[in-house]
Structure formats: structure tokens, C-alpha cells
Amino acid sequence: QVQLVESGGGSVQAGGSLRISCTGTGIVFRYNSMGWFRQAPGKEREFVAQLHDAGVQRYSGSVQGRFTISSDYDKNTLFLQMNNLKPEETGVYFCNTAPGPMHPWGQGTQVSVSS
């Protein structure tokens, strides 16, 4: 059973930065294409970023140039560095395989951006 655990969220003002993390058991990130997704209040979950197992990064257009996805494979941990955050990016952030999430969702980590 795969378990994904996100952490590192918090509250920041617009323009601020956060780095969130995801660890997994029952899955080896090194051999999977992993990604970040987010769900804003009242909206559907959406794709944010992907780190292909070959090292290629892909981002949604709205975060391109501000967010960076990375991984520490030795620690089986996925990161998302988020810079210049915007209020509309408030929501719960999740990790999973990408582009198609294949495993149960974790609890996510809350990111709140105030204007």
C-alpha cells in the first residue's frame, strides 16, 4: 500500500515563498514520474508540476518560472519550491504520480497566501 505524506505548508503574504515536501512509502520516487497537484477551495484538483523519472520537469503555465520541482531520491522525498506566491494559489497541495495519479491521495499540505 502506497502512502504519500505532504508537509511544509503554511501561511505567507503574496510574493512570499514556501517549500513543501512529500515523502512516500511503498513507492520509490526514483523509478516513477512524480508530481504536485493542488486543490483550491470549491475547485477541482489541478496539476501543478511534474518531475519525470528521467529528470525532465514540466509545469502548468500559471506557475512556470516561479515554482521548481525537485527530489532527493536518497531520502525518497519530493519538493516544490514556490516563489512569488499569489493569493489565488491558496489551497491544499498534494503529491502523486504524474501526469496520472495512480495512488491514494495523502492528506495534503495547506498553503494559504494572503493579499
N, C-alpha and C. Protein backbone atom coordinates (compact mmCIF):
# COMPACT_ATOMS: atom_id res chain seq x y z
N GLN A 1 0.84 -1.18 0.00
CA GLN A 1 0.00 0.00 0.00
C GLN A 1 0.89 1.24 0.00
N VAL A 2 0.68 2.08 -1.01
CA VAL A 2 1.44 3.31 -1.11
C VAL A 2 0.83 4.36 -0.19
N GLN A 3 1.71 5.03 0.55
CA GLN A 3 1.28 6.15 1.38
C GLN A 3 2.12 7.36 1.04
N LEU A 4 1.47 8.47 0.80
CA LEU A 4 2.12 9.72 0.48
C LEU A 4 1.80 10.72 1.59
N VAL A 5 2.84 11.40 2.07
CA VAL A 5 2.67 12.35 3.17
C VAL A 5 3.29 13.69 2.78
N GLU A 6 2.46 14.70 2.71
CA GLU A 6 2.90 16.04 2.35
C GLU A 6 3.10 16.88 3.62
N SER A 7 4.03 17.81 3.54
CA SER A 7 4.29 18.68 4.69
C SER A 7 4.92 19.98 4.22
N GLY A 8 5.00 20.93 5.13
CA GLY A 8 5.72 22.16 4.86
C GLY A 8 4.86 23.34 4.46
N GLY A 9 3.56 23.13 4.38
CA GLY A 9 2.70 24.25 4.02
C GLY A 9 2.65 25.29 5.12
N GLY A 10 1.98 26.38 4.84
CA GLY A 10 1.87 27.44 5.82
C GLY A 10 1.17 28.64 5.24
N SER A 11 1.28 29.73 5.96
CA SER A 11 0.65 30.98 5.53
C SER A 11 1.71 32.00 5.18
N VAL A 12 1.57 32.61 4.03
CA VAL A 12 2.52 33.63 3.58
C VAL A 12 1.74 34.77 2.94
N GLN A 13 2.40 35.90 2.83
CA GLN A 13 1.81 37.01 2.09
C GLN A 13 2.12 36.86 0.61
N ALA A 14 1.33 37.50 -0.19
CA ALA A 14 1.56 37.49 -1.63
C ALA A 14 2.99 37.93 -1.91
N GLY A 15 3.63 37.22 -2.81
CA GLY A 15 5.02 37.49 -3.12
C GLY A 15 6.01 36.67 -2.32
N GLY A 16 5.50 35.97 -1.31
CA GLY A 16 6.37 35.17 -0.46
C GLY A 16 6.70 33.83 -1.07
N SER A 17 7.47 33.05 -0.32
CA SER A 17 7.93 31.75 -0.78
C SER A 17 7.67 30.67 0.25
N LEU A 18 7.51 29.46 -0.23
CA LEU A 18 7.39 28.28 0.61
C LEU A 18 8.02 27.11 -0.12
N ARG A 19 8.53 26.17 0.66
CA ARG A 19 8.96 24.90 0.09
C ARG A 19 8.20 23.79 0.78
N ILE A 20 7.49 23.02 0.00
CA ILE A 20 6.74 21.90 0.55
C ILE A 20 7.41 20.59 0.15
N SER A 21 7.11 19.56 0.95
CA SER A 21 7.77 18.27 0.78
C SER A 21 6.75 17.15 0.74
N CYS A 22 7.18 16.06 0.16
CA CYS A 22 6.34 14.86 0.11
C CYS A 22 7.25 13.65 0.29
N THR A 23 6.89 12.79 1.21
CA THR A 23 7.60 11.52 1.36
C THR A 23 6.64 10.38 1.04
N GLY A 24 7.20 9.26 0.66
CA GLY A 24 6.36 8.15 0.29
C GLY A 24 6.87 6.83 0.82
N THR A 25 5.96 5.96 1.17
CA THR A 25 6.29 4.58 1.50
C THR A 25 5.55 3.68 0.52
N GLY A 26 6.18 2.56 0.20
CA GLY A 26 5.57 1.66 -0.77
C GLY A 26 5.75 2.09 -2.20
N ILE A 27 6.54 3.12 -2.43
CA ILE A 27 6.81 3.65 -3.76
C ILE A 27 8.22 4.23 -3.76
N VAL A 28 8.93 4.01 -4.84
CA VAL A 28 10.27 4.56 -4.97
C VAL A 28 10.21 5.69 -5.99
N PHE A 29 10.40 6.91 -5.50
CA PHE A 29 10.25 8.07 -6.37
C PHE A 29 11.23 8.03 -7.54
N ARG A 30 12.40 7.46 -7.33
CA ARG A 30 13.43 7.45 -8.36
C ARG A 30 12.93 6.77 -9.63
N TYR A 31 12.04 5.79 -9.47
CA TYR A 31 11.59 5.00 -10.61
C TYR A 31 10.20 5.38 -11.09
N ASN A 32 9.73 6.53 -10.62
CA ASN A 32 8.40 6.99 -11.00
C ASN A 32 8.44 8.45 -11.44
N SER A 33 7.52 8.81 -12.31
CA SER A 33 7.31 10.20 -12.64
C SER A 33 6.36 10.77 -11.58
N MET A 34 6.86 11.72 -10.81
CA MET A 34 6.09 12.25 -9.69
C MET A 34 5.66 13.68 -9.96
N GLY A 35 4.63 14.10 -9.26
CA GLY A 35 4.17 15.45 -9.49
C GLY A 35 3.45 16.03 -8.30
N TRP A 36 3.17 17.31 -8.43
CA TRP A 36 2.40 18.05 -7.44
C TRP A 36 1.09 18.50 -8.07
N PHE A 37 0.06 18.46 -7.23
CA PHE A 37 -1.27 18.88 -7.61
C PHE A 37 -1.80 19.80 -6.51
N ARG A 38 -2.78 20.61 -6.81
CA ARG A 38 -3.36 21.45 -5.77
C ARG A 38 -4.87 21.54 -5.98
N GLN A 39 -5.53 21.81 -4.86
CA GLN A 39 -6.97 21.96 -4.90
C GLN A 39 -7.35 23.21 -4.13
N ALA A 40 -7.85 24.19 -4.85
CA ALA A 40 -8.31 25.42 -4.23
C ALA A 40 -9.71 25.21 -3.68
N PRO A 41 -10.11 26.00 -2.72
CA PRO A 41 -11.45 25.87 -2.14
C PRO A 41 -12.53 25.94 -3.21
N GLY A 42 -13.39 24.93 -3.23
CA GLY A 42 -14.50 24.91 -4.17
C GLY A 42 -14.14 24.56 -5.60
N LYS A 43 -12.89 24.18 -5.82
CA LYS A 43 -12.46 23.85 -7.19
C LYS A 43 -11.93 22.43 -7.26
N GLU A 44 -11.78 21.94 -8.47
CA GLU A 44 -11.24 20.60 -8.66
C GLU A 44 -9.72 20.62 -8.51
N ARG A 45 -9.19 19.47 -8.20
CA ARG A 45 -7.74 19.33 -8.10
C ARG A 45 -7.11 19.53 -9.48
N GLU A 46 -5.99 20.23 -9.51
CA GLU A 46 -5.34 20.52 -10.78
C GLU A 46 -3.84 20.21 -10.71
N PHE A 47 -3.30 19.95 -11.87
CA PHE A 47 -1.87 19.67 -12.00
C PHE A 47 -1.06 20.94 -11.79
N VAL A 48 0.09 20.80 -11.11
CA VAL A 48 0.99 21.93 -10.89
C VAL A 48 2.35 21.68 -11.54
N ALA A 49 2.96 20.54 -11.22
CA ALA A 49 4.33 20.30 -11.71
C ALA A 49 4.61 18.81 -11.75
N GLN A 50 5.50 18.44 -12.62
CA GLN A 50 5.88 17.04 -12.79
C GLN A 50 7.39 16.93 -12.90
N LEU A 51 7.95 15.91 -12.24
CA LEU A 51 9.36 15.58 -12.38
C LEU A 51 9.42 14.17 -12.94
N HIS A 52 9.76 14.11 -14.23
CA HIS A 52 9.84 12.81 -14.89
C HIS A 52 11.01 12.03 -14.31
N ASP A 53 10.88 10.71 -14.33
CA ASP A 53 11.95 9.89 -13.76
C ASP A 53 13.24 10.04 -14.54
N ALA A 54 13.20 10.64 -15.71
CA ALA A 54 14.41 10.93 -16.46
C ALA A 54 14.95 12.31 -16.15
N GLY A 55 14.31 13.00 -15.22
CA GLY A 55 14.80 14.31 -14.79
C GLY A 55 14.14 15.49 -15.48
N VAL A 56 13.28 15.25 -16.42
CA VAL A 56 12.62 16.33 -17.14
C VAL A 56 11.53 16.93 -16.25
N GLN A 57 11.47 18.25 -16.22
CA GLN A 57 10.45 18.94 -15.44
C GLN A 57 9.38 19.52 -16.36
N ARG A 58 8.16 19.51 -15.85
CA ARG A 58 7.04 20.10 -16.60
C ARG A 58 6.16 20.84 -15.62
N TYR A 59 5.68 22.00 -16.03
CA TYR A 59 4.90 22.85 -15.14
C TYR A 59 3.62 23.32 -15.83
N SER A 60 2.63 23.62 -14.99
CA SER A 60 1.47 24.29 -15.55
C SER A 60 1.88 25.70 -15.95
N GLY A 61 1.21 26.27 -16.90
CA GLY A 61 1.59 27.58 -17.39
C GLY A 61 1.56 28.66 -16.33
N SER A 62 0.66 28.51 -15.37
CA SER A 62 0.50 29.57 -14.36
C SER A 62 1.65 29.62 -13.36
N VAL A 63 2.41 28.54 -13.22
CA VAL A 63 3.49 28.52 -12.22
C VAL A 63 4.86 28.51 -12.87
N GLN A 64 4.90 28.34 -14.18
CA GLN A 64 6.18 28.30 -14.89
C GLN A 64 7.03 29.52 -14.55
N GLY A 65 8.27 29.27 -14.18
CA GLY A 65 9.19 30.36 -13.85
C GLY A 65 9.17 30.77 -12.40
N ARG A 66 8.19 30.32 -11.63
CA ARG A 66 8.10 30.67 -10.21
C ARG A 66 8.24 29.45 -9.30
N PHE A 67 7.82 28.31 -9.76
CA PHE A 67 7.89 27.08 -8.98
C PHE A 67 8.98 26.18 -9.53
N THR A 68 9.60 25.41 -8.64
CA THR A 68 10.61 24.44 -9.05
C THR A 68 10.36 23.13 -8.33
N ILE A 69 10.24 22.07 -9.10
CA ILE A 69 10.07 20.74 -8.53
C ILE A 69 11.42 20.04 -8.52
N SER A 70 11.67 19.31 -7.44
CA SER A 70 12.93 18.59 -7.32
C SER A 70 12.72 17.39 -6.42
N SER A 71 13.74 16.58 -6.31
CA SER A 71 13.62 15.37 -5.48
C SER A 71 14.96 15.00 -4.89
N ASP A 72 14.92 14.51 -3.68
CA ASP A 72 16.08 13.88 -3.06
C ASP A 72 15.78 12.38 -3.09
N TYR A 73 16.31 11.72 -4.08
CA TYR A 73 15.97 10.31 -4.23
C TYR A 73 16.51 9.45 -3.11
N ASP A 74 17.63 9.85 -2.53
CA ASP A 74 18.17 9.06 -1.41
C ASP A 74 17.22 9.06 -0.22
N LYS A 75 16.47 10.16 -0.07
CA LYS A 75 15.51 10.26 1.03
C LYS A 75 14.09 10.01 0.56
N ASN A 76 13.95 9.63 -0.70
CA ASN A 76 12.62 9.37 -1.27
C ASN A 76 11.66 10.51 -0.96
N THR A 77 12.13 11.71 -1.23
CA THR A 77 11.37 12.92 -0.91
C THR A 77 11.25 13.81 -2.15
N LEU A 78 10.09 14.34 -2.33
CA LEU A 78 9.79 15.26 -3.44
C LEU A 78 9.57 16.64 -2.86
N PHE A 79 10.06 17.66 -3.55
CA PHE A 79 9.94 19.04 -3.08
C PHE A 79 9.24 19.89 -4.14
N LEU A 80 8.66 20.97 -3.65
CA LEU A 80 8.17 22.01 -4.55
C LEU A 80 8.53 23.35 -3.93
N GLN A 81 9.46 24.04 -4.56
CA GLN A 81 9.83 25.39 -4.15
C GLN A 81 8.90 26.35 -4.86
N MET A 82 8.19 27.15 -4.09
CA MET A 82 7.21 28.06 -4.64
C MET A 82 7.61 29.50 -4.31
N ASN A 83 7.88 30.27 -5.32
CA ASN A 83 8.28 31.67 -5.16
C ASN A 83 7.21 32.59 -5.73
N ASN A 84 7.21 33.82 -5.23
CA ASN A 84 6.26 34.82 -5.70
C ASN A 84 4.83 34.28 -5.70
N LEU A 85 4.43 33.76 -4.57
CA LEU A 85 3.11 33.15 -4.46
C LEU A 85 2.00 34.19 -4.60
N LYS A 86 0.89 33.74 -5.13
CA LYS A 86 -0.26 34.60 -5.37
C LYS A 86 -1.44 34.13 -4.53
N PRO A 87 -2.34 35.03 -4.15
CA PRO A 87 -3.49 34.63 -3.32
C PRO A 87 -4.32 33.52 -3.95
N GLU A 88 -4.44 33.53 -5.26
CA GLU A 88 -5.25 32.50 -5.92
C GLU A 88 -4.61 31.12 -5.88
N GLU A 89 -3.39 31.04 -5.36
CA GLU A 89 -2.72 29.75 -5.23
C GLU A 89 -2.94 29.12 -3.86
N THR A 90 -3.78 29.75 -3.08
CA THR A 90 -4.21 29.16 -1.82
C THR A 90 -4.93 27.85 -2.08
N GLY A 91 -4.59 26.85 -1.28
CA GLY A 91 -5.25 25.56 -1.42
C GLY A 91 -4.47 24.47 -0.74
N VAL A 92 -4.90 23.26 -0.95
CA VAL A 92 -4.22 22.10 -0.41
C VAL A 92 -3.39 21.48 -1.53
N TYR A 93 -2.14 21.23 -1.23
CA TYR A 93 -1.19 20.71 -2.20
C TYR A 93 -0.93 19.24 -1.91
N PHE A 94 -0.95 18.45 -2.98
CA PHE A 94 -0.78 17.00 -2.89
C PHE A 94 0.31 16.54 -3.84
N CYS A 95 0.94 15.42 -3.51
CA CYS A 95 1.84 14.78 -4.47
C CYS A 95 1.26 13.43 -4.87
N ASN A 96 1.67 12.97 -6.02
CA ASN A 96 1.23 11.68 -6.53
C ASN A 96 2.03 11.42 -7.81
N THR A 97 1.85 10.29 -8.41
CA THR A 97 2.46 10.06 -9.71
C THR A 97 1.82 11.02 -10.71
N ALA A 98 2.57 11.36 -11.71
CA ALA A 98 2.11 12.33 -12.70
C ALA A 98 2.54 11.86 -14.08
N PRO A 99 1.77 12.20 -15.13
CA PRO A 99 0.60 13.07 -15.07
C PRO A 99 -0.65 12.40 -14.52
N GLY A 100 -0.70 11.09 -14.51
CA GLY A 100 -1.88 10.42 -13.99
C GLY A 100 -1.65 9.91 -12.59
N PRO A 101 -2.36 10.48 -11.61
CA PRO A 101 -2.18 9.99 -10.23
C PRO A 101 -2.71 8.56 -10.10
N MET A 102 -1.88 7.68 -9.56
CA MET A 102 -2.23 6.27 -9.52
C MET A 102 -2.39 5.72 -8.12
N HIS A 103 -2.11 6.55 -7.11
CA HIS A 103 -2.10 6.05 -5.74
C HIS A 103 -3.06 6.84 -4.87
N PRO A 104 -3.42 6.29 -3.71
CA PRO A 104 -4.32 7.03 -2.82
C PRO A 104 -3.71 8.39 -2.47
N TRP A 105 -4.56 9.39 -2.41
CA TRP A 105 -4.09 10.72 -2.06
C TRP A 105 -3.75 10.78 -0.57
N GLY A 106 -2.70 11.54 -0.26
CA GLY A 106 -2.39 11.83 1.13
C GLY A 106 -3.32 12.91 1.64
N GLN A 107 -2.99 13.40 2.82
CA GLN A 107 -3.84 14.43 3.42
C GLN A 107 -3.56 15.82 2.84
N GLY A 108 -2.45 15.93 2.14
CA GLY A 108 -2.09 17.22 1.56
C GLY A 108 -1.51 18.17 2.59
N THR A 109 -1.02 19.28 2.10
CA THR A 109 -0.49 20.32 2.98
C THR A 109 -1.11 21.65 2.56
N GLN A 110 -1.60 22.39 3.53
CA GLN A 110 -2.33 23.63 3.26
C GLN A 110 -1.36 24.78 3.00
N VAL A 111 -1.59 25.47 1.92
CA VAL A 111 -0.85 26.69 1.59
C VAL A 111 -1.86 27.82 1.53
N SER A 112 -1.60 28.85 2.31
CA SER A 112 -2.51 30.00 2.33
C SER A 112 -1.72 31.25 2.00
N VAL A 113 -2.18 31.96 0.99
CA VAL A 113 -1.49 33.17 0.53
C VAL A 113 -2.44 34.35 0.69
N SER A 114 -2.03 35.30 1.51
CA SER A 114 -2.86 36.46 1.75
C SER A 114 -2.40 37.64 0.90
N SER A 115 -3.34 38.48 0.58
CA SER A 115 -3.02 39.64 -0.28
C SER A 115 -2.61 40.83 0.56
